[in-house]
Amino acid sequence: MSEDILQKIVRMRREDINRLGLNFNIDIPEARRVGHTEFLGNAGAILEVKRASPSKGDIAPDLNPVELATTYAEAHAQAVSVLTEMNFFKGSLRDLIAVADLMERRRQQGLHTCAVLRKDFLLFEDEIDIAYRCGADAVLLIARILDDAQLVKMAERAQKFGIQAFVEVREADDFRKLSIVTAALGDEAAKTIVAGVNSRDLATFHTDPLIPASVRSKLPAKAVFESGILSAADATYARNLGFTGILVGEAVAKNPPLAKDVVSAFESGCENARGQFWKKFAECKFAHNKTRAASSQNAHRPLVKICGITHEEDGLLAAELGADMLGFVFSTTKRLTTEDFVRSFAAKIHLRHPEPFDKLRDLNKVGEPVEPLLVGVITDPSSVEGKTAIKLAQEGVLDAVQFHGVDPRNSIDAASSNTLPYYCAARVGEASDFDKVEALRKNGEPRILLDAKVEGIPGGTGKTIPESLLREKASGTPLWLAGGINPENVVTICEKFHPELIDVSSGIEDAPGIKNHDKMKALFAAIAAK
């Protein structure tokens, strides 16, 4: 079995240590000569001195660490992360020393000072000593590459020097290790630990902004969203999830003026209903995958949204068959629903699932059935129907609003921005339509539903998006797909495009809003057999 990227980094680092020593043949101070700044004492951004990465190659190979760190400090970042790994990130302990010395000069001048993080693939306790002498206020400890005993020893060594352990977690076993470290340090010392979850899988270097959303509830109060922050809107998304910090590398290293916007966006944001929806969705997604794996089903089958529910028996059957989301249309089409129907249906579905998802999660009962998320689909937020769906979502009757073919930036007033859970759907039929998709992505949307575009019809057309268009344009993020999906073509579509979520409406109907139960059963049977 070939080694993945993370294994290669660790192997080569061990070889370098054996050849050069823990100081990598660099002269370091015999004793610490700088003061101390608490790492993430306040919510804010951690910005990175980063020349390169395994996935992108050179990012900013000629950067000056002092100049870049000065820009970050002037943007009022909470911390500067200095990469010291030399093979793949082209970093050095010299960079760490230079940035720490800069912060000491700023401290003496009464200027804003950032904490300094040594970011590396640390393996030995003595590397904590070196980081401390070089001026680090915190050290990154990657749970995935350290066994229980070594992780505890390194966190205790950091505690001894009065610097903080920044523990990175991502996989299930990492959280077990984090709890062991917390218990070993004792209550007071454990409060100093900051935990981070990396949206980037270090084995493949692929990023997914839903990974941090899925585990935020498992992390301590001070938690950091790492990687994948490319814009101010991405920073807002992370803050909406309730993270205390963000760690931003490539985007600000390549474009230092962006630092100020990223810092401002994060600090001015707050945990809100939008973030709560994405946390709930992500938790449900991964819980459902575990349920399927435990029952020998395909854990990677797509999530299923059944849309256009207008009859109670249709929605209840869809939930029984395993629908992950149910859609209710609040737009003047033949699938138009009513406030009274949705309120009544929501009450009935809750009775069938008396244990809320949060409780199942807390009890570690992720194998238990979980009720589907309820979504109101709107095409005109200013219409009576659109306003009704928004009200139901703000009250918690619906889990979210789907802005279908509508940009939420032009549709949500300031008073509603923190109280409305939502996601976006874009109608695509030609290449230029993906400009709107890209604009939504740049607005920090972690997922966007793609629906077939037919002029004059907002959705439920029975038409599919051209295959050539999907292959050319719909890459880079997990695919949510709607339009013309039915029991006969669902397996082919899944095999060709591997969507994370499929949205089905007309393909299982006898007439608009009238579901055919045999077709619905056939759809789920086809997916299960895939």
Protein backbone atom coordinates (compact mmCIF):
# COMPACT_ATOMS: atom_id res chain seq x y z
CA MET A 1 0.00 0.00 0.00
CA SER A 2 1.53 3.32 -1.06
CA GLU A 3 2.00 6.03 1.53
CA ASP A 4 -0.34 9.01 1.52
CA ILE A 5 0.83 12.63 1.65
CA LEU A 6 0.75 12.85 5.43
CA GLN A 7 2.75 9.65 5.84
CA LYS A 8 5.32 10.93 3.35
CA ILE A 9 5.67 14.25 5.20
CA VAL A 10 6.21 12.48 8.53
CA ARG A 11 8.67 9.96 7.07
CA MET A 12 10.80 12.63 5.44
CA ARG A 13 10.71 14.75 8.57
CA ARG A 14 12.01 11.85 10.66
CA GLU A 15 14.80 11.36 8.15
CA ASP A 16 15.71 15.07 8.39
CA ILE A 17 15.74 14.92 12.20
CA ASN A 18 18.03 11.88 12.12
CA ARG A 19 20.35 13.74 9.78
CA LEU A 20 20.20 17.30 11.12
CA GLY A 21 18.85 17.05 14.67
CA LEU A 22 15.73 18.55 16.17
CA ASN A 23 16.95 22.06 15.39
CA PHE A 24 17.45 21.18 11.69
CA ASN A 25 21.01 22.51 11.91
CA ILE A 26 19.76 26.03 12.66
CA ASP A 27 21.17 28.18 15.44
CA ILE A 28 18.39 28.88 17.94
CA PRO A 29 18.42 31.01 21.12
CA GLU A 30 19.80 29.29 24.21
CA ALA A 31 16.94 30.79 26.19
CA ARG A 32 13.64 32.48 25.34
CA ARG A 33 14.16 36.19 24.84
CA VAL A 34 10.62 37.40 24.12
CA GLY A 35 7.48 37.92 26.16
CA HIS A 36 4.26 35.94 25.92
CA THR A 37 0.88 36.56 24.29
CA GLU A 38 -2.06 34.28 25.01
CA PHE A 39 -2.97 32.18 22.00
CA LEU A 40 -6.57 32.91 20.96
CA GLY A 41 -7.23 34.95 24.08
CA ASN A 42 -10.04 36.54 22.08
CA ALA A 43 -12.00 35.26 19.11
CA GLY A 44 -10.23 36.05 15.90
CA ALA A 45 -8.09 35.00 12.98
CA ILE A 46 -4.82 33.07 12.91
CA LEU A 47 -2.98 34.04 9.73
CA GLU A 48 -0.16 32.03 8.27
CA VAL A 49 3.38 32.56 7.07
CA LYS A 50 3.28 29.94 4.33
CA ARG A 51 5.49 29.69 1.25
CA ALA A 52 4.20 26.45 -0.26
CA SER A 53 2.00 23.41 0.29
CA PRO A 54 1.89 19.80 -0.97
CA SER A 55 -1.34 20.44 -2.87
CA LYS A 56 -0.56 23.84 -4.43
CA GLY A 57 3.23 23.86 -4.67
CA ASP A 58 4.69 27.35 -4.41
CA ILE A 59 2.24 29.84 -2.93
CA ALA A 60 4.45 32.76 -1.98
CA PRO A 61 8.03 31.46 -2.26
CA ASP A 62 9.64 34.90 -1.91
CA LEU A 63 7.63 36.13 1.06
CA ASN A 64 9.40 38.05 3.81
CA PRO A 65 8.10 36.60 7.12
CA VAL A 66 8.60 39.84 9.06
CA GLU A 67 6.85 41.97 6.46
CA LEU A 68 3.97 39.52 6.16
CA ALA A 69 3.59 39.16 9.93
CA THR A 70 3.59 42.96 10.21
CA THR A 71 0.68 43.10 7.74
CA TYR A 72 -1.16 40.51 9.82
CA ALA A 73 -0.55 42.40 13.05
CA GLU A 74 -1.74 45.65 11.50
CA ALA A 75 -4.89 43.82 10.39
CA HIS A 76 -5.34 42.89 14.08
CA ALA A 77 -5.01 39.14 13.66
CA GLN A 78 -5.08 37.28 16.96
CA ALA A 79 -2.14 35.06 16.03
CA VAL A 80 0.46 34.39 13.37
CA SER A 81 1.01 30.76 12.41
CA VAL A 82 4.56 30.09 11.23
CA LEU A 83 5.15 26.92 9.24
CA THR A 84 8.55 25.45 10.04
CA GLU A 85 8.36 22.26 7.92
CA MET A 86 10.97 22.60 5.18
CA ASN A 87 10.28 19.93 2.53
CA PHE A 88 6.71 20.60 1.48
CA PHE A 89 5.99 24.01 3.04
CA LYS A 90 9.48 25.54 2.66
CA GLY A 91 9.41 26.87 6.21
CA SER A 92 12.16 27.23 8.79
CA LEU A 93 12.78 27.80 12.47
CA ARG A 94 14.46 31.03 11.32
CA ASP A 95 11.00 32.28 10.28
CA LEU A 96 9.65 31.46 13.74
CA ILE A 97 12.47 33.34 15.47
CA ALA A 98 12.08 36.36 13.19
CA VAL A 99 8.32 36.62 13.72
CA ALA A 100 8.62 36.18 17.50
CA ASP A 101 11.28 38.91 17.62
CA LEU A 102 9.00 41.18 15.58
CA MET A 103 6.17 40.70 18.05
CA GLU A 104 8.50 41.51 20.93
CA ARG A 105 9.45 44.79 19.27
CA ARG A 106 5.80 45.62 18.73
CA ARG A 107 5.06 44.74 22.36
CA GLN A 108 7.72 47.18 23.56
CA GLN A 109 6.34 49.87 21.24
CA GLY A 110 2.81 49.42 22.57
CA LEU A 111 1.50 48.15 19.23
CA HIS A 112 -0.95 45.32 18.61
CA THR A 113 0.81 42.01 19.19
CA CYS A 114 -0.14 38.62 17.81
CA ALA A 115 0.49 35.32 19.53
CA VAL A 116 2.95 33.14 17.60
CA LEU A 117 2.10 29.53 16.71
CA ARG A 118 4.71 27.02 15.60
CA LYS A 119 2.93 24.94 12.99
CA ASP A 120 4.71 21.75 12.07
CA PHE A 121 4.41 17.99 12.23
CA LEU A 122 5.96 17.78 15.70
CA LEU A 123 6.88 14.32 16.94
CA PHE A 124 9.04 14.71 20.07
CA GLU A 125 8.78 16.47 23.43
CA ASP A 126 12.11 18.24 22.92
CA GLU A 127 10.63 20.01 19.90
CA ILE A 128 8.36 21.83 22.37
CA ASP A 129 11.48 23.13 24.14
CA ILE A 130 12.87 24.39 20.85
CA ALA A 131 9.59 26.09 19.94
CA TYR A 132 9.53 27.81 23.34
CA ARG A 133 13.11 29.08 23.01
CA CYS A 134 12.36 30.34 19.50
CA GLY A 135 9.51 32.42 20.88
CA ALA A 136 6.38 30.38 20.16
CA ASP A 137 3.31 31.01 22.32
CA ALA A 138 1.63 27.83 21.11
CA VAL A 139 2.50 24.62 19.28
CA LEU A 140 0.43 22.54 16.89
CA LEU A 141 0.00 18.90 17.95
CA ILE A 142 -1.61 16.75 15.26
CA ALA A 143 -3.49 13.96 17.02
CA ARG A 144 -3.51 11.82 13.88
CA ILE A 145 0.28 11.35 13.89
CA LEU A 146 0.83 10.93 17.66
CA ASP A 147 -0.12 7.99 19.87
CA ASP A 148 -1.94 8.59 23.15
CA ALA A 149 1.13 8.63 25.38
CA GLN A 150 3.19 10.90 23.13
CA LEU A 151 0.38 13.38 22.67
CA VAL A 152 -0.08 13.63 26.44
CA LYS A 153 3.66 14.03 27.03
CA MET A 154 3.90 16.83 24.47
CA ALA A 155 0.86 18.66 25.85
CA GLU A 156 2.33 18.37 29.36
CA ARG A 157 5.66 19.73 28.13
CA ALA A 158 3.86 22.72 26.61
CA GLN A 159 2.07 23.25 29.92
CA LYS A 160 5.40 23.17 31.76
CA PHE A 161 6.71 26.03 29.59
CA GLY A 162 3.50 28.04 29.87
CA ILE A 163 2.69 27.83 26.20
CA GLN A 164 -0.49 26.40 24.75
CA ALA A 165 -1.18 23.13 23.01
CA PHE A 166 -3.19 23.56 19.83
CA VAL A 167 -4.51 20.04 19.22
CA GLU A 168 -5.69 19.26 15.69
CA VAL A 169 -8.42 16.64 15.37
CA ARG A 170 -10.42 15.30 12.45
CA GLU A 171 -11.03 11.56 12.64
CA ALA A 172 -13.09 9.73 15.27
CA ASP A 173 -10.03 8.45 17.15
CA ASP A 174 -8.62 11.97 17.37
CA PHE A 175 -11.49 13.02 19.63
CA ARG A 176 -10.75 10.12 21.95
CA LYS A 177 -7.15 11.31 22.15
CA LEU A 178 -8.28 14.86 22.85
CA SER A 179 -10.35 13.69 25.82
CA ILE A 180 -7.33 11.75 27.15
CA VAL A 181 -5.15 14.85 26.97
CA THR A 182 -7.80 16.96 28.67
CA ALA A 183 -8.13 14.46 31.50
CA ALA A 184 -4.35 14.17 31.91
CA LEU A 185 -3.78 17.92 32.24
CA GLY A 186 -6.44 18.50 34.89
CA ASP A 187 -9.34 20.93 34.85
CA GLU A 188 -7.47 24.23 34.99
CA ALA A 189 -4.70 23.36 32.54
CA ALA A 190 -7.22 21.74 30.18
CA LYS A 191 -8.92 25.13 29.81
CA THR A 192 -5.81 26.42 28.03
CA ILE A 193 -6.08 23.80 25.25
CA VAL A 194 -7.33 25.05 21.91
CA ALA A 195 -8.66 22.42 19.51
CA GLY A 196 -8.71 22.77 15.75
CA VAL A 197 -10.48 20.76 13.09
CA ASN A 198 -8.95 20.74 9.64
CA SER A 199 -11.33 20.95 6.70
CA ARG A 200 -8.41 19.54 4.70
CA ASP A 201 -7.74 15.81 4.91
CA LEU A 202 -3.96 15.67 5.41
CA ALA A 203 -3.83 12.28 3.72
CA THR A 204 -5.28 13.57 0.43
CA PHE A 205 -5.21 17.36 0.94
CA HIS A 206 -8.82 17.62 -0.24
CA THR A 207 -10.94 20.16 1.65
CA ASP A 208 -14.56 19.99 2.76
CA PRO A 209 -16.08 22.89 4.74
CA LEU A 210 -18.74 20.56 6.16
CA ILE A 211 -16.18 18.56 8.17
CA PRO A 212 -15.70 21.34 10.76
CA ALA A 213 -19.47 21.85 10.85
CA SER A 214 -20.04 18.17 11.64
CA VAL A 215 -17.79 18.14 14.71
CA ARG A 216 -18.12 21.63 16.21
CA SER A 217 -20.31 20.26 19.01
CA LYS A 218 -17.54 17.82 20.03
CA LEU A 219 -14.92 20.51 20.46
CA PRO A 220 -14.12 22.63 23.52
CA ALA A 221 -15.21 26.24 23.80
CA LYS A 222 -12.08 27.52 22.07
CA ALA A 223 -12.06 25.85 18.68
CA VAL A 224 -10.50 26.73 15.33
CA PHE A 225 -11.74 26.15 11.79
CA GLU A 226 -8.61 25.26 9.80
CA SER A 227 -8.03 25.47 6.03
CA GLY A 228 -10.38 26.25 3.18
CA ILE A 229 -10.89 29.91 4.11
CA LEU A 230 -10.36 31.71 0.81
CA SER A 231 -12.48 34.84 1.28
CA ALA A 232 -14.12 37.09 3.84
CA ALA A 233 -17.41 35.24 3.20
CA ASP A 234 -15.75 31.93 4.11
CA ALA A 235 -14.60 33.53 7.37
CA THR A 236 -18.19 34.59 8.09
CA TYR A 237 -19.39 31.03 7.46
CA ALA A 238 -16.89 29.65 9.99
CA ARG A 239 -18.00 32.24 12.56
CA ASN A 240 -21.65 31.33 11.90
CA LEU A 241 -20.78 27.77 12.95
CA GLY A 242 -19.62 29.02 16.35
CA PHE A 243 -15.86 28.72 15.92
CA THR A 244 -13.63 30.90 18.11
CA GLY A 245 -10.92 31.15 15.50
CA ILE A 246 -10.02 30.52 11.88
CA LEU A 247 -6.63 29.52 10.52
CA VAL A 248 -6.02 31.03 7.08
CA GLY A 249 -2.97 30.22 4.98
CA GLU A 250 -2.88 30.29 1.20
CA ALA A 251 -5.39 33.11 0.64
CA VAL A 252 -3.59 35.72 2.77
CA ALA A 253 -0.05 34.55 2.02
CA LYS A 254 -0.75 35.07 -1.70
CA ASN A 255 -2.75 38.25 -1.17
CA PRO A 256 -1.73 40.00 2.10
CA PRO A 257 -4.22 42.91 1.70
CA LEU A 258 -7.01 40.33 2.10
CA ALA A 259 -5.96 39.87 5.74
CA LYS A 260 -7.86 42.91 6.95
CA ASP A 261 -11.11 41.82 5.29
CA VAL A 262 -10.85 38.27 6.61
CA VAL A 263 -10.15 39.44 10.17
CA SER A 264 -12.99 41.96 10.07
CA ALA A 265 -15.50 39.51 8.60
CA PHE A 266 -14.77 36.89 11.24
CA GLU A 267 -14.79 39.26 14.20
CA SER A 268 -18.00 41.00 13.10
CA GLY A 269 -19.84 37.72 12.59
CA CYS A 270 -21.57 35.52 15.15
CA GLU A 271 -22.97 32.05 15.63
CA ASN A 272 -26.40 32.10 14.01
CA ALA A 273 -29.26 30.13 12.49
CA ARG A 274 -27.47 29.65 9.17
CA GLY A 275 -24.54 28.02 10.96
CA GLN A 276 -26.86 25.94 13.10
CA PHE A 277 -28.51 24.54 9.97
CA TRP A 278 -25.19 23.56 8.43
CA LYS A 279 -24.10 21.92 11.69
CA LYS A 280 -27.33 19.96 11.85
CA PHE A 281 -27.10 18.96 8.19
CA ALA A 282 -23.46 17.88 8.50
CA GLU A 283 -24.10 15.93 11.70
CA CYS A 284 -27.09 14.20 10.11
CA LYS A 285 -25.11 13.40 6.97
CA PHE A 286 -22.32 11.64 8.84
CA ALA A 287 -24.73 9.99 11.30
CA HIS A 288 -26.72 8.57 8.38
CA ASN A 289 -23.52 7.25 6.80
CA LYS A 290 -22.69 5.46 10.06
CA THR A 291 -26.21 4.03 10.22
CA ARG A 292 -25.93 2.67 6.71
CA ALA A 293 -22.48 1.23 7.32
CA ALA A 294 -23.69 -0.45 10.52
CA SER A 295 -26.56 -2.09 8.62
CA SER A 296 -24.29 -3.22 5.74
CA GLN A 297 -25.85 -0.68 3.38
CA ASN A 298 -23.88 1.54 1.06
CA ALA A 299 -22.54 4.23 3.41
CA HIS A 300 -21.69 6.39 0.40
CA ARG A 301 -25.10 6.38 -1.25
CA PRO A 302 -26.37 9.89 -1.95
CA LEU A 303 -28.50 11.75 0.48
CA VAL A 304 -32.04 12.01 -0.84
CA LYS A 305 -34.36 15.01 -0.80
CA ILE A 306 -37.94 14.37 -1.84
CA CYS A 307 -39.40 17.69 -2.92
CA GLY A 308 -42.88 19.01 -3.63
CA ILE A 309 -44.63 17.31 -0.70
CA THR A 310 -48.32 18.26 -0.68
CA HIS A 311 -49.90 15.22 0.99
CA GLU A 312 -49.16 13.89 4.46
CA GLU A 313 -49.01 10.23 3.42
CA ASP A 314 -46.39 11.05 0.75
CA GLY A 315 -44.12 12.81 3.21
CA LEU A 316 -44.46 10.12 5.87
CA LEU A 317 -43.67 7.36 3.37
CA ALA A 318 -40.63 9.27 2.11
CA ALA A 319 -39.38 9.59 5.69
CA GLU A 320 -39.99 5.89 6.32
CA LEU A 321 -38.06 4.94 3.19
CA GLY A 322 -35.05 6.98 4.34
CA ALA A 323 -35.39 10.46 2.86
CA ASP A 324 -32.84 12.81 4.38
CA MET A 325 -34.71 15.98 3.48
CA LEU A 326 -38.29 16.82 2.55
CA GLY A 327 -39.09 19.89 0.47
CA PHE A 328 -42.24 22.00 0.63
CA VAL A 329 -42.77 24.47 -2.21
CA PHE A 330 -43.72 28.04 -1.29
CA SER A 331 -43.97 29.32 -4.85
CA THR A 332 -47.00 29.74 -7.10
CA THR A 333 -46.78 26.40 -8.88
CA LYS A 334 -49.00 23.31 -8.83
CA ARG A 335 -46.90 22.04 -5.91
CA LEU A 336 -47.68 25.06 -3.74
CA THR A 337 -48.20 24.12 -0.10
CA THR A 338 -49.70 26.01 2.83
CA GLU A 339 -48.53 27.14 6.24
CA ASP A 340 -51.20 25.04 7.99
CA PHE A 341 -50.17 21.88 6.13
CA VAL A 342 -46.48 22.30 6.95
CA ARG A 343 -47.17 23.03 10.62
CA SER A 344 -49.38 19.94 10.88
CA PHE A 345 -46.91 17.72 9.04
CA ALA A 346 -43.97 18.90 11.13
CA ALA A 347 -45.88 18.05 14.31
CA LYS A 348 -46.65 14.54 13.03
CA ILE A 349 -43.09 13.81 11.87
CA HIS A 350 -41.74 14.92 15.26
CA LEU A 351 -44.09 12.43 16.97
CA ARG A 352 -42.60 9.63 14.87
CA HIS A 353 -39.10 10.65 15.99
CA PRO A 354 -39.51 11.64 19.66
CA GLU A 355 -35.75 11.72 20.27
CA PRO A 356 -34.35 14.90 18.72
CA PHE A 357 -31.13 14.48 16.77
CA ASP A 358 -29.08 16.41 19.32
CA LYS A 359 -30.10 13.94 22.03
CA LEU A 360 -29.33 10.92 19.86
CA ARG A 361 -25.91 12.41 19.18
CA ASP A 362 -25.24 13.14 22.84
CA LEU A 363 -26.26 9.58 23.76
CA ASN A 364 -24.03 8.21 20.98
CA LYS A 365 -27.10 6.63 19.41
CA VAL A 366 -26.14 7.58 15.89
CA GLY A 367 -27.54 4.31 14.60
CA GLU A 368 -31.08 5.34 15.56
CA PRO A 369 -33.44 6.60 12.84
CA VAL A 370 -33.20 10.36 12.41
CA GLU A 371 -36.09 12.43 11.10
CA PRO A 372 -35.57 14.18 7.78
CA LEU A 373 -34.80 17.87 7.62
CA LEU A 374 -37.77 19.97 6.47
CA VAL A 375 -37.09 22.64 3.86
CA GLY A 376 -39.21 25.42 2.40
CA VAL A 377 -38.41 26.12 -1.27
CA ILE A 378 -38.88 29.74 -2.35
CA THR A 379 -38.35 31.59 -5.62
CA ASP A 380 -39.47 35.05 -4.51
CA PRO A 381 -38.57 36.05 -0.92
CA SER A 382 -40.78 39.14 -1.12
CA SER A 383 -43.92 37.21 -2.09
CA VAL A 384 -46.54 36.16 0.46
CA GLU A 385 -45.50 32.54 -0.03
CA GLY A 386 -41.81 33.32 0.35
CA LYS A 387 -42.39 35.34 3.50
CA THR A 388 -44.42 32.48 4.95
CA ALA A 389 -41.58 29.99 4.43
CA ILE A 390 -39.08 32.43 5.94
CA LYS A 391 -41.30 32.86 8.99
CA LEU A 392 -41.64 29.08 9.45
CA ALA A 393 -37.87 28.65 9.22
CA GLN A 394 -37.23 31.44 11.71
CA GLU A 395 -39.69 29.79 14.10
CA GLY A 396 -37.99 26.40 13.72
CA VAL A 397 -40.97 24.67 12.07
CA LEU A 398 -38.80 24.30 8.95
CA ASP A 399 -35.10 23.50 9.27
CA ALA A 400 -34.14 25.78 6.40
CA VAL A 401 -35.23 27.80 3.41
CA GLN A 402 -33.96 26.88 -0.05
CA PHE A 403 -33.35 30.04 -2.09
CA HIS A 404 -34.12 28.60 -5.51
CA GLY A 405 -32.58 30.68 -8.28
CA VAL A 406 -32.33 33.62 -5.89
CA ASP A 407 -29.16 35.18 -4.46
CA PRO A 408 -29.67 35.49 -0.68
CA ARG A 409 -27.37 38.50 -0.55
CA ASN A 410 -30.07 40.46 -2.37
CA SER A 411 -32.94 38.90 -0.45
CA ILE A 412 -32.20 38.92 3.27
CA ASP A 413 -32.36 42.13 5.25
CA ALA A 414 -29.97 42.78 8.12
CA ALA A 415 -32.63 41.97 10.71
CA SER A 416 -33.12 38.47 9.25
CA SER A 417 -29.51 37.57 8.47
CA ASN A 418 -28.81 35.95 11.84
CA THR A 419 -32.20 34.31 12.36
CA LEU A 420 -32.74 32.57 9.02
CA PRO A 421 -31.32 29.12 8.25
CA TYR A 422 -30.90 28.69 4.52
CA TYR A 423 -28.98 27.24 1.57
CA CYS A 424 -28.98 28.01 -2.15
CA ALA A 425 -30.05 26.37 -5.39
CA ALA A 426 -28.96 27.55 -8.82
CA ARG A 427 -30.69 26.83 -12.11
CA VAL A 428 -28.18 25.84 -14.81
CA GLY A 429 -28.63 25.07 -18.48
CA GLU A 430 -25.57 26.60 -20.12
CA ALA A 431 -21.98 27.38 -19.20
CA SER A 432 -22.64 31.01 -18.31
CA ASP A 433 -25.07 29.94 -15.56
CA PHE A 434 -22.11 28.63 -13.60
CA ASP A 435 -20.97 32.22 -13.10
CA LYS A 436 -23.84 32.49 -10.62
CA VAL A 437 -22.78 29.23 -8.99
CA GLU A 438 -19.24 30.53 -8.61
CA ALA A 439 -20.56 33.78 -7.12
CA LEU A 440 -22.48 31.80 -4.51
CA ARG A 441 -19.40 29.76 -3.68
CA LYS A 442 -17.40 32.94 -3.20
CA ASN A 443 -20.17 34.09 -0.88
CA GLY A 444 -19.25 31.27 1.49
CA GLU A 445 -21.90 28.72 0.54
CA PRO A 446 -20.52 25.25 1.43
CA ARG A 447 -22.99 23.45 -0.85
CA ILE A 448 -25.15 24.59 -3.80
CA LEU A 449 -27.98 22.56 -5.29
CA LEU A 450 -27.84 22.49 -9.11
CA ASP A 451 -31.21 22.22 -10.88
CA ALA A 452 -32.02 21.96 -14.56
CA LYS A 453 -32.95 25.31 -16.04
CA VAL A 454 -36.10 25.62 -18.14
CA GLU A 455 -37.22 29.15 -18.98
CA GLY A 456 -40.45 30.13 -17.26
CA ILE A 457 -40.53 27.12 -14.93
CA PRO A 458 -38.75 27.50 -11.56
CA GLY A 459 -38.34 23.78 -10.86
CA GLY A 460 -39.85 20.30 -11.05
CA THR A 461 -39.49 20.27 -14.82
CA GLY A 462 -38.48 16.65 -15.31
CA LYS A 463 -35.51 17.83 -17.37
CA THR A 464 -31.91 16.90 -16.58
CA ILE A 465 -28.84 19.10 -16.69
CA PRO A 466 -26.77 18.31 -19.81
CA GLU A 467 -24.09 15.74 -18.95
CA SER A 468 -21.38 17.60 -20.83
CA LEU A 469 -22.09 20.73 -18.79
CA LEU A 470 -21.85 18.88 -15.49
CA ARG A 471 -18.59 17.22 -16.49
CA GLU A 472 -17.08 20.53 -17.59
CA LYS A 473 -18.28 22.83 -14.82
CA ALA A 474 -19.50 20.93 -11.75
CA SER A 475 -16.22 19.90 -10.21
CA GLY A 476 -14.29 20.76 -7.09
CA THR A 477 -17.06 20.48 -4.52
CA PRO A 478 -19.47 17.66 -3.58
CA LEU A 479 -22.41 17.72 -5.98
CA TRP A 480 -26.03 18.37 -5.05
CA LEU A 481 -28.12 17.52 -8.10
CA ALA A 482 -31.76 18.04 -9.11
CA GLY A 483 -33.68 17.79 -12.35
CA GLY A 484 -35.20 14.79 -14.09
CA ILE A 485 -34.05 12.14 -11.61
CA ASN A 486 -36.30 9.07 -11.48
CA PRO A 487 -36.14 5.35 -10.56
CA GLU A 488 -34.99 4.42 -14.05
CA ASN A 489 -31.99 6.76 -14.31
CA VAL A 490 -30.94 7.31 -10.70
CA VAL A 491 -28.32 4.54 -10.67
CA THR A 492 -26.74 5.77 -13.92
CA ILE A 493 -26.64 9.35 -12.63
CA CYS A 494 -25.05 8.24 -9.35
CA GLU A 495 -22.45 6.13 -11.12
CA LYS A 496 -21.53 8.94 -13.51
CA PHE A 497 -21.46 11.89 -11.13
CA HIS A 498 -21.34 10.49 -7.56
CA PRO A 499 -23.62 13.20 -6.15
CA GLU A 500 -23.64 13.79 -2.43
CA LEU A 501 -27.36 14.65 -2.58
CA ILE A 502 -30.09 14.10 -5.14
CA ASP A 503 -33.33 16.09 -5.19
CA VAL A 504 -36.28 14.22 -6.67
CA SER A 505 -39.75 15.57 -7.42
CA SER A 506 -41.47 15.02 -10.77
CA GLY A 507 -39.69 11.72 -11.37
CA ILE A 508 -41.81 9.98 -8.72
CA GLU A 509 -45.14 11.71 -9.45
CA ASP A 510 -48.38 10.88 -11.22
CA ALA A 511 -49.12 14.61 -11.40
CA PRO A 512 -47.48 17.72 -9.92
CA GLY A 513 -47.56 17.32 -6.15
CA ILE A 514 -49.09 13.83 -6.30
CA LYS A 515 -46.43 11.23 -5.46
CA ASN A 516 -46.62 7.68 -6.78
CA HIS A 517 -45.75 5.43 -3.85
CA ASP A 518 -44.58 2.57 -6.06
CA LYS A 519 -42.21 4.90 -7.92
CA MET A 520 -40.94 6.30 -4.63
CA LYS A 521 -40.25 2.79 -3.31
CA ALA A 522 -38.55 1.88 -6.59
CA LEU A 523 -36.31 4.95 -6.33
CA PHE A 524 -35.05 4.04 -2.86
CA ALA A 525 -34.71 0.37 -3.83
CA ALA A 526 -32.58 1.30 -6.83
CA ILE A 527 -30.32 3.49 -4.68
CA ALA A 528 -29.97 0.81 -2.00
CA ALA A 529 -29.00 -1.80 -4.60
CA LYS A 530 -26.39 0.44 -6.20
